[in-house]
Amino acid sequence: MKKLSLTLALALAAIFTFAFSPALHAASKTESVKVWGNCGMCKKTIEKALKGVDGIQTAAWDKKSKMLEVTFDDSKISMKQIEEKVGAAGYDTQNVKGSDAAYGKLAECCHYDRKK
């Protein structure tokens, strides 16, 4: 019984420490940025460009609104770096022009009207 009580107390202490420690959550933030694209293939490519990138927790692009919502650790990666990764995949963001070479390799349905 003592072991169970001690184990339960330690588990609860760990949960409360993690859940309520502002230092653990301070670097995590969510931001949105406009990313041009057209279709489901665009969605897949944009999100894949950010999948597994150190510091990025989630990335979701909405085809209708053209908005990319990213949750990330800003002590590991900046929003500008995130936009540059999307640009390297061939997609323009509101702040970064995508790679011309990568844009040229996108499927025809993914070609959108680019700004000059």
N, C-alpha and C. Protein backbone atom coordinates (compact mmCIF):
# COMPACT_ATOMS: atom_id res chain seq x y z
N MET A 1 0.82 -1.19 0.00
CA MET A 1 0.00 0.00 0.00
C MET A 1 0.87 1.26 0.00
N LYS A 2 1.98 1.22 0.78
CA LYS A 2 2.88 2.36 0.81
C LYS A 2 3.48 2.63 -0.56
N LYS A 3 3.84 1.54 -1.28
CA LYS A 3 4.44 1.69 -2.62
C LYS A 3 3.44 2.35 -3.56
N LEU A 4 2.19 1.92 -3.50
CA LEU A 4 1.17 2.48 -4.36
C LEU A 4 0.96 3.95 -4.06
N SER A 5 0.91 4.31 -2.80
CA SER A 5 0.72 5.72 -2.41
C SER A 5 1.89 6.57 -2.86
N LEU A 6 3.10 6.07 -2.68
CA LEU A 6 4.29 6.80 -3.10
C LEU A 6 4.32 6.97 -4.61
N THR A 7 4.02 5.90 -5.35
CA THR A 7 3.99 5.95 -6.81
C THR A 7 2.95 6.95 -7.28
N LEU A 8 1.77 6.92 -6.70
CA LEU A 8 0.70 7.83 -7.06
C LEU A 8 1.10 9.28 -6.76
N ALA A 9 1.71 9.51 -5.62
CA ALA A 9 2.14 10.86 -5.26
C ALA A 9 3.20 11.38 -6.23
N LEU A 10 4.14 10.55 -6.60
CA LEU A 10 5.18 10.96 -7.55
C LEU A 10 4.59 11.23 -8.93
N ALA A 11 3.66 10.39 -9.35
CA ALA A 11 3.01 10.58 -10.65
C ALA A 11 2.24 11.89 -10.67
N LEU A 12 1.49 12.17 -9.63
CA LEU A 12 0.73 13.42 -9.57
C LEU A 12 1.65 14.63 -9.54
N ALA A 13 2.74 14.53 -8.80
CA ALA A 13 3.71 15.63 -8.74
C ALA A 13 4.29 15.90 -10.13
N ALA A 14 4.62 14.85 -10.85
CA ALA A 14 5.17 15.00 -12.20
C ALA A 14 4.15 15.63 -13.14
N ILE A 15 2.91 15.19 -13.06
CA ILE A 15 1.85 15.73 -13.93
C ILE A 15 1.65 17.21 -13.65
N PHE A 16 1.52 17.59 -12.38
CA PHE A 16 1.31 18.99 -12.04
C PHE A 16 2.51 19.85 -12.40
N THR A 17 3.70 19.34 -12.23
CA THR A 17 4.89 20.10 -12.59
C THR A 17 4.91 20.38 -14.08
N PHE A 18 4.61 19.38 -14.88
CA PHE A 18 4.62 19.56 -16.33
C PHE A 18 3.47 20.45 -16.78
N ALA A 19 2.28 20.19 -16.29
CA ALA A 19 1.09 20.89 -16.75
C ALA A 19 1.09 22.37 -16.37
N PHE A 20 1.65 22.69 -15.21
CA PHE A 20 1.55 24.07 -14.74
C PHE A 20 2.85 24.85 -14.76
N SER A 21 3.88 24.29 -15.34
CA SER A 21 5.15 24.99 -15.40
C SER A 21 5.17 25.91 -16.61
N PRO A 22 5.14 27.23 -16.41
CA PRO A 22 5.13 28.15 -17.55
C PRO A 22 6.40 28.06 -18.38
N ALA A 23 7.51 27.70 -17.78
CA ALA A 23 8.77 27.60 -18.53
C ALA A 23 8.70 26.53 -19.60
N LEU A 24 7.94 25.48 -19.35
CA LEU A 24 7.85 24.41 -20.33
C LEU A 24 7.02 24.79 -21.54
N HIS A 25 6.11 25.74 -21.37
CA HIS A 25 5.21 26.10 -22.45
C HIS A 25 5.49 27.48 -23.03
N ALA A 26 6.42 28.20 -22.47
CA ALA A 26 6.66 29.58 -22.86
C ALA A 26 7.10 29.71 -24.32
N ALA A 27 7.86 28.80 -24.83
CA ALA A 27 8.40 28.93 -26.18
C ALA A 27 7.42 28.47 -27.25
N SER A 28 6.37 27.78 -26.89
CA SER A 28 5.41 27.27 -27.86
C SER A 28 4.42 28.37 -28.24
N LYS A 29 4.28 28.59 -29.55
CA LYS A 29 3.33 29.59 -30.01
C LYS A 29 2.69 29.13 -31.30
N THR A 30 1.54 29.70 -31.60
CA THR A 30 0.82 29.37 -32.82
C THR A 30 0.65 30.65 -33.63
N GLU A 31 1.01 30.58 -34.90
CA GLU A 31 0.86 31.72 -35.80
C GLU A 31 0.27 31.24 -37.12
N SER A 32 -0.32 32.18 -37.84
CA SER A 32 -0.88 31.89 -39.16
C SER A 32 -0.22 32.78 -40.20
N VAL A 33 -0.12 32.24 -41.40
CA VAL A 33 0.46 32.99 -42.51
C VAL A 33 -0.23 32.54 -43.80
N LYS A 34 -0.43 33.47 -44.71
CA LYS A 34 -1.05 33.15 -45.99
C LYS A 34 -0.03 32.43 -46.88
N VAL A 35 -0.47 31.33 -47.47
CA VAL A 35 0.36 30.56 -48.40
C VAL A 35 -0.50 30.26 -49.63
N TRP A 36 -0.02 30.67 -50.80
CA TRP A 36 -0.78 30.44 -52.02
C TRP A 36 -0.69 28.98 -52.44
N GLY A 37 -1.77 28.49 -52.99
CA GLY A 37 -1.88 27.12 -53.44
C GLY A 37 -3.30 26.89 -53.92
N ASN A 38 -3.57 25.70 -54.44
CA ASN A 38 -4.88 25.46 -55.04
C ASN A 38 -5.65 24.25 -54.52
N CYS A 39 -4.95 23.18 -54.22
CA CYS A 39 -5.66 21.90 -54.10
C CYS A 39 -5.16 21.03 -52.95
N GLY A 40 -5.69 19.84 -52.90
CA GLY A 40 -5.28 18.88 -51.88
C GLY A 40 -3.82 18.47 -52.00
N MET A 41 -3.31 18.44 -53.22
CA MET A 41 -1.89 18.13 -53.40
C MET A 41 -1.03 19.25 -52.82
N CYS A 42 -1.49 20.49 -52.98
CA CYS A 42 -0.78 21.63 -52.38
C CYS A 42 -0.74 21.46 -50.86
N LYS A 43 -1.88 21.14 -50.29
CA LYS A 43 -1.97 20.94 -48.84
C LYS A 43 -0.94 19.91 -48.38
N LYS A 44 -0.91 18.79 -49.10
CA LYS A 44 0.01 17.71 -48.74
C LYS A 44 1.46 18.18 -48.82
N THR A 45 1.81 18.88 -49.88
CA THR A 45 3.19 19.32 -50.09
C THR A 45 3.60 20.39 -49.06
N ILE A 46 2.71 21.34 -48.80
CA ILE A 46 3.01 22.41 -47.84
C ILE A 46 3.22 21.82 -46.46
N GLU A 47 2.30 20.96 -46.05
CA GLU A 47 2.41 20.36 -44.71
C GLU A 47 3.61 19.42 -44.61
N LYS A 48 3.91 18.70 -45.70
CA LYS A 48 5.06 17.80 -45.70
C LYS A 48 6.38 18.57 -45.58
N ALA A 49 6.41 19.78 -46.14
CA ALA A 49 7.63 20.61 -46.06
C ALA A 49 7.98 20.94 -44.61
N LEU A 50 6.99 20.87 -43.73
CA LEU A 50 7.22 21.23 -42.32
C LEU A 50 7.21 20.03 -41.39
N LYS A 51 6.79 18.89 -41.89
CA LYS A 51 6.71 17.69 -41.06
C LYS A 51 8.12 17.24 -40.64
N GLY A 52 8.27 17.01 -39.36
CA GLY A 52 9.55 16.52 -38.84
C GLY A 52 10.62 17.59 -38.67
N VAL A 53 10.28 18.85 -38.96
CA VAL A 53 11.25 19.92 -38.78
C VAL A 53 11.37 20.22 -37.29
N ASP A 54 12.59 20.28 -36.80
CA ASP A 54 12.84 20.51 -35.38
C ASP A 54 12.18 21.81 -34.94
N GLY A 55 11.36 21.74 -33.92
CA GLY A 55 10.70 22.92 -33.39
C GLY A 55 9.26 23.08 -33.83
N ILE A 56 8.87 22.39 -34.90
CA ILE A 56 7.49 22.50 -35.37
C ILE A 56 6.68 21.36 -34.79
N GLN A 57 5.60 21.73 -34.10
CA GLN A 57 4.73 20.73 -33.48
C GLN A 57 3.58 20.35 -34.40
N THR A 58 2.92 21.34 -35.01
CA THR A 58 1.83 21.07 -35.94
C THR A 58 1.85 22.09 -37.07
N ALA A 59 1.36 21.68 -38.22
CA ALA A 59 1.22 22.57 -39.36
C ALA A 59 0.01 22.11 -40.16
N ALA A 60 -0.92 23.04 -40.40
CA ALA A 60 -2.12 22.70 -41.16
C ALA A 60 -2.45 23.86 -42.10
N TRP A 61 -2.57 23.53 -43.41
CA TRP A 61 -2.90 24.53 -44.41
C TRP A 61 -4.34 24.33 -44.85
N ASP A 62 -5.10 25.42 -44.93
CA ASP A 62 -6.50 25.36 -45.35
C ASP A 62 -6.61 25.85 -46.79
N LYS A 63 -7.11 24.98 -47.65
CA LYS A 63 -7.21 25.26 -49.08
C LYS A 63 -8.11 26.46 -49.37
N LYS A 64 -9.20 26.56 -48.66
CA LYS A 64 -10.17 27.63 -48.92
C LYS A 64 -9.64 29.01 -48.50
N SER A 65 -9.12 29.11 -47.30
CA SER A 65 -8.65 30.40 -46.80
C SER A 65 -7.21 30.71 -47.21
N LYS A 66 -6.48 29.68 -47.64
CA LYS A 66 -5.05 29.79 -48.01
C LYS A 66 -4.18 30.12 -46.80
N MET A 67 -4.67 29.79 -45.61
CA MET A 67 -3.94 30.10 -44.39
C MET A 67 -3.26 28.85 -43.83
N LEU A 68 -2.01 29.01 -43.46
CA LEU A 68 -1.23 27.97 -42.81
C LEU A 68 -1.15 28.31 -41.33
N GLU A 69 -1.59 27.40 -40.49
CA GLU A 69 -1.48 27.59 -39.04
C GLU A 69 -0.40 26.66 -38.53
N VAL A 70 0.57 27.24 -37.84
CA VAL A 70 1.72 26.48 -37.36
C VAL A 70 1.89 26.70 -35.86
N THR A 71 2.05 25.60 -35.14
CA THR A 71 2.42 25.67 -33.73
C THR A 71 3.87 25.23 -33.65
N PHE A 72 4.69 26.07 -33.01
CA PHE A 72 6.13 25.81 -33.03
C PHE A 72 6.79 26.35 -31.77
N ASP A 73 8.00 25.89 -31.56
CA ASP A 73 8.84 26.33 -30.45
C ASP A 73 9.73 27.45 -30.98
N ASP A 74 9.43 28.69 -30.61
CA ASP A 74 10.17 29.81 -31.19
C ASP A 74 11.59 29.95 -30.64
N SER A 75 11.98 29.07 -29.73
CA SER A 75 13.39 29.05 -29.32
C SER A 75 14.21 28.17 -30.26
N LYS A 76 13.52 27.41 -31.13
CA LYS A 76 14.20 26.52 -32.07
C LYS A 76 14.07 26.96 -33.53
N ILE A 77 12.96 27.64 -33.86
CA ILE A 77 12.72 28.03 -35.24
C ILE A 77 11.86 29.29 -35.26
N SER A 78 12.12 30.16 -36.21
CA SER A 78 11.36 31.40 -36.33
C SER A 78 10.28 31.26 -37.40
N MET A 79 9.34 32.17 -37.38
CA MET A 79 8.29 32.16 -38.40
C MET A 79 8.91 32.41 -39.78
N LYS A 80 9.92 33.24 -39.86
CA LYS A 80 10.60 33.49 -41.15
C LYS A 80 11.23 32.20 -41.67
N GLN A 81 11.86 31.43 -40.81
CA GLN A 81 12.45 30.15 -41.23
C GLN A 81 11.37 29.18 -41.69
N ILE A 82 10.23 29.20 -41.03
CA ILE A 82 9.11 28.34 -41.43
C ILE A 82 8.65 28.73 -42.82
N GLU A 83 8.49 30.03 -43.05
CA GLU A 83 8.07 30.50 -44.38
C GLU A 83 9.12 30.14 -45.44
N GLU A 84 10.38 30.20 -45.10
CA GLU A 84 11.44 29.84 -46.05
C GLU A 84 11.37 28.36 -46.41
N LYS A 85 11.00 27.50 -45.48
CA LYS A 85 10.85 26.07 -45.75
C LYS A 85 9.68 25.83 -46.70
N VAL A 86 8.59 26.57 -46.50
CA VAL A 86 7.44 26.47 -47.40
C VAL A 86 7.85 26.98 -48.78
N GLY A 87 8.60 28.06 -48.82
CA GLY A 87 9.08 28.61 -50.08
C GLY A 87 9.99 27.65 -50.82
N ALA A 88 10.81 26.92 -50.10
CA ALA A 88 11.71 25.94 -50.72
C ALA A 88 10.92 24.81 -51.38
N ALA A 89 9.68 24.60 -50.92
CA ALA A 89 8.81 23.57 -51.53
C ALA A 89 8.09 24.12 -52.76
N GLY A 90 8.24 25.42 -53.05
CA GLY A 90 7.66 26.00 -54.26
C GLY A 90 6.46 26.89 -54.03
N TYR A 91 6.13 27.18 -52.80
CA TYR A 91 4.93 27.95 -52.49
C TYR A 91 5.28 29.33 -51.95
N ASP A 92 4.59 30.34 -52.47
CA ASP A 92 4.77 31.70 -52.00
C ASP A 92 3.97 31.89 -50.71
N THR A 93 4.57 32.61 -49.76
CA THR A 93 3.85 33.02 -48.57
C THR A 93 3.65 34.53 -48.67
N GLN A 94 2.99 35.09 -47.69
CA GLN A 94 2.77 36.53 -47.73
C GLN A 94 4.07 37.31 -47.60
N ASN A 95 5.13 36.65 -47.11
CA ASN A 95 6.40 37.35 -46.88
C ASN A 95 7.59 36.79 -47.66
N VAL A 96 7.46 35.59 -48.20
CA VAL A 96 8.58 34.91 -48.85
C VAL A 96 8.13 34.39 -50.21
N LYS A 97 8.91 34.70 -51.26
CA LYS A 97 8.62 34.15 -52.59
C LYS A 97 9.20 32.74 -52.65
N GLY A 98 8.40 31.82 -53.12
CA GLY A 98 8.83 30.43 -53.24
C GLY A 98 9.88 30.24 -54.31
N SER A 99 10.59 29.14 -54.20
CA SER A 99 11.62 28.78 -55.16
C SER A 99 11.00 28.58 -56.55
N ASP A 100 11.55 29.27 -57.54
CA ASP A 100 11.06 29.12 -58.92
C ASP A 100 11.26 27.69 -59.42
N ALA A 101 12.40 27.10 -59.09
CA ALA A 101 12.69 25.73 -59.53
C ALA A 101 11.70 24.75 -58.93
N ALA A 102 11.43 24.88 -57.64
CA ALA A 102 10.47 23.98 -56.98
C ALA A 102 9.06 24.22 -57.50
N TYR A 103 8.69 25.48 -57.73
CA TYR A 103 7.37 25.80 -58.28
C TYR A 103 7.20 25.12 -59.64
N GLY A 104 8.23 25.16 -60.46
CA GLY A 104 8.17 24.55 -61.79
C GLY A 104 7.97 23.04 -61.75
N LYS A 105 8.37 22.40 -60.66
CA LYS A 105 8.22 20.95 -60.53
C LYS A 105 6.88 20.53 -59.93
N LEU A 106 6.10 21.51 -59.46
CA LEU A 106 4.78 21.16 -58.90
C LEU A 106 3.86 20.66 -59.99
N ALA A 107 2.91 19.83 -59.61
CA ALA A 107 1.91 19.35 -60.56
C ALA A 107 1.16 20.54 -61.15
N GLU A 108 0.67 20.39 -62.36
CA GLU A 108 -0.02 21.48 -63.05
C GLU A 108 -1.17 22.06 -62.22
N CYS A 109 -1.90 21.21 -61.51
CA CYS A 109 -3.04 21.68 -60.71
C CYS A 109 -2.58 22.55 -59.54
N CYS A 110 -1.31 22.47 -59.20
CA CYS A 110 -0.78 23.24 -58.08
C CYS A 110 -0.24 24.60 -58.51
N HIS A 111 -0.21 24.85 -59.82
CA HIS A 111 0.29 26.14 -60.30
C HIS A 111 -0.79 27.20 -60.08
N TYR A 112 -0.46 28.20 -59.31
CA TYR A 112 -1.36 29.30 -58.99
C TYR A 112 -0.80 30.56 -59.59
N ASP A 113 -1.61 31.61 -59.66
CA ASP A 113 -1.13 32.89 -60.20
C ASP A 113 -0.14 33.48 -59.21
N ARG A 114 1.10 33.61 -59.66
CA ARG A 114 2.14 34.14 -58.78
C ARG A 114 2.26 35.64 -58.95
N LYS A 115 2.63 36.31 -57.86
CA LYS A 115 2.89 37.75 -57.92
C LYS A 115 4.16 37.98 -58.72
N LYS A 116 4.23 39.07 -59.38
CA LYS A 116 5.42 39.42 -60.16
C LYS A 116 6.46 40.00 -59.27
